[in-house]
Amino acid sequence: MAITNSTNFTSTTNQTSVNYTLPTNYISINSTTFNTTLDNLTFFANQNKITLIELAIPIEVAILTYIVLKCFGKSGQKFAYSYCLLLAYDFTFEIAFLIYNSRVIESLFVPSLFSFTIPTSINFVAGLYILYQTGNNCLEIFLKSFMCIIDIRLLQLFQNQYEEYQNVILWLSGINLLIEDIPQLVIQILYKTNTYGFDIIPFMSLILCSIVIILGLLSRLYINMGFTRAPAPIPIAYPPEKDIEEDDSEATRYSSDTTHHMKTEWGM
C-alpha cells in the first residue's frame, strides 16, 4: 500500500522509498492516484458485478423505452418518458445517500440535506399551484403532487394538460439544475475524494446525477439551437408580392411547427 506524506511528498512502499521533487513529484502522485482509483474501481466492479447489473436495469429500460417509442410509438414525448424515468430513479438514490452515506463525512451532511430538501419543497409548492390552477380534482392533485416532489419535470408527461405552464416548468427545471443536480454532483465528487474505495449507493448516485445533468443540458441545447428550415432561394423572376407573403407565412409556420415538435419530443 502506498503511503504519501503531504508535507514532503515522500512515497513509501514495501519495496522502495523514493523522494520526489517538482514537477516529477506532481506527475508521479497523480499517476499513482489514478492507478489506485482504477484498481479500486476494477475490484469494486468484480466484487459487485451482479448487483451493478441489476441496478443498471432501470437505465437500460429508459434507453429501450426511448428506442421503442422512437421506432414504433406515436407519442411525441419520446425523450420525456425516458428522462422522467431516470429522474425518478435518481431520486431514490438521493434519498438512500442522504440516509446511509451523508454522515460518513460530517461536513457533507448539511449540504446534502439542503440540496435535497430545498428543491423538493420548491417543486412541491410549485406543483400544487399548477395542479390547483388547472382545475384537477383532489385525488389527482394528491397523486401528482408526489410526482412533483420527485421532480417538477415529471409534469412534462402530461404536456397537453399543463401546456400553459410549460415555461414555468422549464424555468423550475433550470433552477433544479443549479440548486439540486450540480450541488449533488459536487457532493458526490467530494465524497469520493475523501473516502477510500467505492460503495454502491454513492457510486450509483454519481453515475445517475451525471447522466441527468448531461441529458438536461443537451435537451436545452437541442431546443435553443432552434433547428429551422433554411429560407428558400429568391427566384430570378420575382413573383407577385402576395405570393411572397404567402411563402414567408408558410416558412414561419414550418419553423414554428418544427420548434414545437422538438419541444414536444424533449418534453418541453
Protein backbone atom coordinates (compact mmCIF):
# COMPACT_ATOMS: atom_id res chain seq x y z
CA MET A 1 0.00 0.00 0.00
CA ALA A 2 1.30 3.45 -0.87
CA ILE A 3 1.56 5.99 1.96
CA THR A 4 2.00 9.58 0.80
CA ASN A 5 3.21 12.36 3.09
CA SER A 6 1.55 15.60 2.01
CA THR A 7 4.31 17.75 3.53
CA ASN A 8 7.47 16.44 1.94
CA PHE A 9 5.79 14.47 -0.86
CA THR A 10 7.55 11.19 0.06
CA SER A 11 6.13 7.94 -1.34
CA THR A 12 6.94 4.79 0.64
CA THR A 13 6.11 1.23 -0.40
CA ASN A 14 7.08 -2.15 1.00
CA GLN A 15 9.88 -2.35 -1.56
CA THR A 16 11.35 1.11 -2.09
CA SER A 17 11.30 4.63 -0.73
CA VAL A 18 11.52 7.48 -3.23
CA ASN A 19 11.59 11.25 -2.65
CA TYR A 20 10.04 13.21 -5.48
CA THR A 21 10.71 16.78 -6.49
CA LEU A 22 8.55 19.06 -8.60
CA PRO A 23 7.40 18.68 -11.28
CA THR A 24 8.11 14.92 -11.23
CA ASN A 25 6.51 14.71 -7.80
CA TYR A 26 3.22 16.14 -9.02
CA ILE A 27 3.06 13.84 -12.04
CA SER A 28 4.03 10.75 -10.03
CA ILE A 29 1.48 11.37 -7.29
CA ASN A 30 -1.33 11.92 -9.76
CA SER A 31 -0.30 8.85 -11.76
CA THR A 32 -0.26 6.74 -8.60
CA THR A 33 -3.63 8.14 -7.51
CA PHE A 34 -5.17 7.37 -10.90
CA ASN A 35 -3.80 3.83 -10.91
CA THR A 36 -5.04 3.25 -7.36
CA THR A 37 -8.51 4.58 -8.23
CA LEU A 38 -8.62 2.41 -11.33
CA ASP A 39 -7.59 -0.65 -9.32
CA ASN A 40 -10.23 0.11 -6.69
CA LEU A 41 -12.88 0.54 -9.38
CA THR A 42 -11.91 -2.74 -11.04
CA PHE A 43 -12.01 -4.57 -7.70
CA PHE A 44 -15.35 -2.94 -6.82
CA ALA A 45 -16.86 -3.91 -10.19
CA ASN A 46 -15.66 -7.51 -9.88
CA GLN A 47 -16.96 -7.86 -6.34
CA ASN A 48 -20.38 -6.33 -7.11
CA LYS A 49 -20.92 -7.15 -10.77
CA ILE A 50 -24.25 -8.90 -10.21
CA THR A 51 -25.59 -6.02 -8.10
CA LEU A 52 -24.39 -3.43 -10.61
CA ILE A 53 -26.02 -5.30 -13.48
CA GLU A 54 -29.31 -5.40 -11.56
CA LEU A 55 -29.10 -1.70 -10.68
CA ALA A 56 -28.38 -0.85 -14.32
CA ILE A 57 -31.66 -2.45 -15.47
CA PRO A 58 -33.79 0.74 -14.98
CA ILE A 59 -31.24 2.72 -17.02
CA GLU A 60 -31.43 0.11 -19.75
CA VAL A 61 -35.23 0.22 -19.59
CA ALA A 62 -35.14 4.01 -20.04
CA ILE A 63 -32.92 3.66 -23.12
CA LEU A 64 -35.07 0.86 -24.51
CA THR A 65 -38.22 2.92 -23.91
CA TYR A 66 -36.85 5.76 -25.98
CA ILE A 67 -35.77 3.42 -28.80
CA VAL A 68 -39.15 1.66 -28.90
CA LEU A 69 -41.10 4.94 -28.87
CA LYS A 70 -38.79 6.37 -31.50
CA CYS A 71 -39.28 3.41 -33.83
CA PHE A 72 -42.87 2.35 -33.17
CA GLY A 73 -44.57 4.77 -30.80
CA LYS A 74 -46.97 7.50 -31.84
CA SER A 75 -46.28 9.64 -28.77
CA GLY A 76 -44.34 12.80 -29.43
CA GLN A 77 -42.71 12.79 -26.00
CA LYS A 78 -40.16 10.09 -26.74
CA PHE A 79 -37.38 11.64 -24.73
CA ALA A 80 -39.59 12.87 -21.89
CA TYR A 81 -40.69 9.37 -20.81
CA SER A 82 -37.12 8.07 -20.65
CA TYR A 83 -35.79 11.20 -18.97
CA CYS A 84 -38.51 11.21 -16.31
CA LEU A 85 -37.80 7.55 -15.55
CA LEU A 86 -34.15 8.45 -14.95
CA LEU A 87 -35.21 11.38 -12.75
CA ALA A 88 -37.32 9.09 -10.56
CA TYR A 89 -34.50 6.54 -10.33
CA ASP A 90 -32.00 9.25 -9.42
CA PHE A 91 -34.37 10.49 -6.69
CA THR A 92 -34.34 7.09 -4.97
CA PHE A 93 -30.56 7.14 -4.72
CA GLU A 94 -30.60 10.73 -3.46
CA ILE A 95 -32.76 9.55 -0.55
CA ALA A 96 -30.57 6.49 0.02
CA PHE A 97 -27.40 8.59 0.04
CA LEU A 98 -28.92 11.09 2.46
CA ILE A 99 -29.95 8.31 4.86
CA TYR A 100 -26.98 5.95 4.69
CA ASN A 101 -23.93 7.87 3.46
CA SER A 102 -24.29 11.60 4.08
CA ARG A 103 -22.93 11.35 7.66
CA VAL A 104 -19.85 9.37 6.68
CA ILE A 105 -18.25 12.78 6.13
CA GLU A 106 -19.92 15.13 8.59
CA SER A 107 -19.14 18.26 6.58
CA LEU A 108 -21.24 16.94 3.68
CA PHE A 109 -24.40 16.23 5.68
CA VAL A 110 -25.77 19.79 5.77
CA PRO A 111 -25.09 20.48 2.06
CA SER A 112 -26.68 17.12 1.20
CA LEU A 113 -29.72 17.95 3.31
CA PHE A 114 -30.12 21.43 1.80
CA SER A 115 -29.62 20.28 -1.80
CA PHE A 116 -32.37 17.71 -1.23
CA THR A 117 -34.98 19.49 0.87
CA ILE A 118 -34.96 22.94 -0.75
CA PRO A 119 -35.52 21.80 -4.37
CA THR A 120 -38.06 19.24 -3.15
CA SER A 121 -40.00 21.94 -1.30
CA ILE A 122 -39.91 24.29 -4.29
CA ASN A 123 -41.11 21.52 -6.61
CA PHE A 124 -43.91 20.56 -4.24
CA VAL A 125 -45.23 24.11 -3.77
CA ALA A 126 -44.95 24.96 -7.48
CA GLY A 127 -46.57 21.66 -8.42
CA LEU A 128 -49.50 22.24 -6.06
CA TYR A 129 -50.03 25.70 -7.53
CA ILE A 130 -50.00 24.41 -11.12
CA LEU A 131 -52.29 21.49 -10.27
CA TYR A 132 -54.73 23.76 -8.41
CA GLN A 133 -54.79 26.35 -11.19
CA THR A 134 -55.50 23.72 -13.86
CA GLY A 135 -58.61 22.50 -12.03
CA ASN A 136 -57.53 18.99 -11.07
CA ASN A 137 -59.66 17.06 -8.59
CA CYS A 138 -58.37 16.38 -5.08
CA LEU A 139 -57.24 12.83 -5.77
CA GLU A 140 -55.34 13.87 -8.89
CA ILE A 141 -53.71 16.74 -7.03
CA PHE A 142 -52.69 14.38 -4.23
CA LEU A 143 -51.14 11.82 -6.57
CA LYS A 144 -49.40 14.24 -8.91
CA SER A 145 -48.05 16.31 -6.04
CA PHE A 146 -45.89 13.33 -5.09
CA MET A 147 -44.60 13.30 -8.66
CA CYS A 148 -43.69 16.96 -8.21
CA ILE A 149 -41.78 16.10 -5.04
CA ILE A 150 -39.60 13.78 -7.11
CA ASP A 151 -39.14 16.45 -9.76
CA ILE A 152 -41.34 19.14 -11.29
CA ARG A 153 -40.21 17.93 -14.72
CA LEU A 154 -42.36 14.82 -14.30
CA LEU A 155 -45.33 17.02 -15.21
CA GLN A 156 -43.87 17.05 -18.71
CA LEU A 157 -45.52 13.65 -19.13
CA PHE A 158 -48.85 15.50 -19.13
CA GLN A 159 -47.77 18.22 -21.52
CA ASN A 160 -51.15 18.75 -23.20
CA GLN A 161 -52.83 19.21 -19.83
CA TYR A 162 -50.28 21.71 -18.49
CA GLU A 163 -49.19 23.36 -21.72
CA GLU A 164 -49.97 26.79 -20.28
CA TYR A 165 -47.33 26.27 -17.58
CA GLN A 166 -44.58 24.73 -19.72
CA ASN A 167 -42.45 27.87 -19.42
CA VAL A 168 -42.81 27.75 -15.63
CA ILE A 169 -41.73 24.11 -15.61
CA LEU A 170 -38.82 24.98 -17.89
CA TRP A 171 -37.62 27.71 -15.53
CA LEU A 172 -38.03 25.48 -12.49
CA SER A 173 -36.06 22.71 -14.20
CA GLY A 174 -33.25 25.22 -14.69
CA ILE A 175 -33.41 26.15 -11.01
CA ASN A 176 -33.32 22.44 -10.11
CA LEU A 177 -30.19 22.09 -12.20
CA LEU A 178 -28.48 24.88 -10.28
CA ILE A 179 -29.56 24.13 -6.71
CA GLU A 180 -30.03 20.34 -6.83
CA ASP A 181 -28.31 18.47 -9.66
CA ILE A 182 -24.99 20.35 -9.77
CA PRO A 183 -24.61 20.52 -5.94
CA GLN A 184 -25.42 16.80 -5.74
CA LEU A 185 -22.70 16.09 -8.31
CA VAL A 186 -20.18 18.19 -6.36
CA ILE A 187 -21.13 16.40 -3.13
CA GLN A 188 -20.62 13.00 -4.76
CA ILE A 189 -17.21 14.05 -6.08
CA LEU A 190 -16.16 15.37 -2.66
CA TYR A 191 -17.41 12.18 -1.04
CA LYS A 192 -15.33 10.07 -3.40
CA THR A 193 -12.17 12.15 -2.97
CA ASN A 194 -12.44 11.92 0.82
CA THR A 195 -13.18 8.20 1.10
CA TYR A 196 -11.30 5.08 0.11
CA GLY A 197 -12.69 2.68 -2.45
CA PHE A 198 -16.23 2.61 -3.79
CA ASP A 199 -19.66 2.00 -2.32
CA ILE A 200 -22.84 1.03 -4.17
CA ILE A 201 -25.07 3.97 -3.23
CA PRO A 202 -22.56 6.81 -3.75
CA PHE A 203 -21.33 5.21 -6.95
CA MET A 204 -24.82 4.91 -8.45
CA SER A 205 -25.69 8.42 -7.24
CA LEU A 206 -22.64 9.79 -9.02
CA ILE A 207 -23.46 7.97 -12.25
CA LEU A 208 -27.15 8.90 -12.27
CA CYS A 209 -26.53 12.51 -11.30
CA SER A 210 -24.03 12.85 -14.14
CA ILE A 211 -26.47 11.33 -16.65
CA VAL A 212 -29.33 13.60 -15.51
CA ILE A 213 -27.17 16.73 -15.80
CA ILE A 214 -25.79 15.81 -19.22
CA LEU A 215 -29.21 14.95 -20.65
CA GLY A 216 -30.74 18.07 -19.13
CA LEU A 217 -28.09 20.31 -20.70
CA LEU A 218 -28.35 18.52 -24.05
CA SER A 219 -32.12 18.94 -24.11
CA ARG A 220 -31.79 22.69 -23.51
CA LEU A 221 -29.05 22.99 -26.13
CA TYR A 222 -31.05 20.97 -28.66
CA ILE A 223 -34.08 23.22 -28.33
CA ASN A 224 -32.22 26.52 -28.08
CA MET A 225 -30.33 25.80 -31.28
CA GLY A 226 -33.68 26.28 -32.99
CA PHE A 227 -33.41 23.90 -35.92
CA THR A 228 -35.44 25.56 -38.64
CA ARG A 229 -35.65 25.18 -42.37
CA ALA A 230 -33.35 27.47 -44.31
CA PRO A 231 -35.24 30.09 -46.34
CA ALA A 232 -35.84 29.19 -49.97
CA PRO A 233 -33.61 30.93 -52.56
CA ILE A 234 -35.09 34.01 -54.18
CA PRO A 235 -36.12 33.26 -57.78
CA ILE A 236 -34.85 35.39 -60.66
CA ALA A 237 -38.36 36.28 -61.78
CA TYR A 238 -39.92 37.75 -58.67
CA PRO A 239 -43.49 36.58 -58.10
CA PRO A 240 -46.21 38.96 -57.01
CA GLU A 241 -45.87 40.40 -53.51
CA LYS A 242 -48.87 38.40 -52.35
CA ASP A 243 -47.16 35.12 -53.24
CA ILE A 244 -44.00 36.19 -51.42
CA GLU A 245 -46.01 36.94 -48.30
CA GLU A 246 -47.69 33.54 -48.52
CA ASP A 247 -44.31 31.81 -48.85
CA ASP A 248 -42.95 33.70 -45.86
CA SER A 249 -46.03 32.77 -43.87
CA GLU A 250 -45.58 29.12 -44.81
CA ALA A 251 -41.91 29.17 -43.80
CA THR A 252 -42.83 30.79 -40.49
CA ARG A 253 -45.45 28.13 -39.83
CA TYR A 254 -42.90 25.44 -40.70
CA SER A 255 -40.37 26.97 -38.32
CA SER A 256 -42.95 27.18 -35.54
CA ASP A 257 -44.13 23.60 -36.12
CA THR A 258 -40.54 22.33 -36.13
CA THR A 259 -39.73 24.06 -32.85
CA HIS A 260 -42.98 22.77 -31.31
CA HIS A 261 -42.16 19.25 -32.48
CA MET A 262 -38.71 19.38 -30.85
CA LYS A 263 -40.11 20.75 -27.62
CA THR A 264 -42.77 18.04 -27.57
CA GLU A 265 -40.29 15.24 -28.17
CA TRP A 266 -37.96 16.54 -25.48
CA GLY A 267 -40.78 17.15 -23.02
CA MET A 268 -40.77 20.93 -23.07
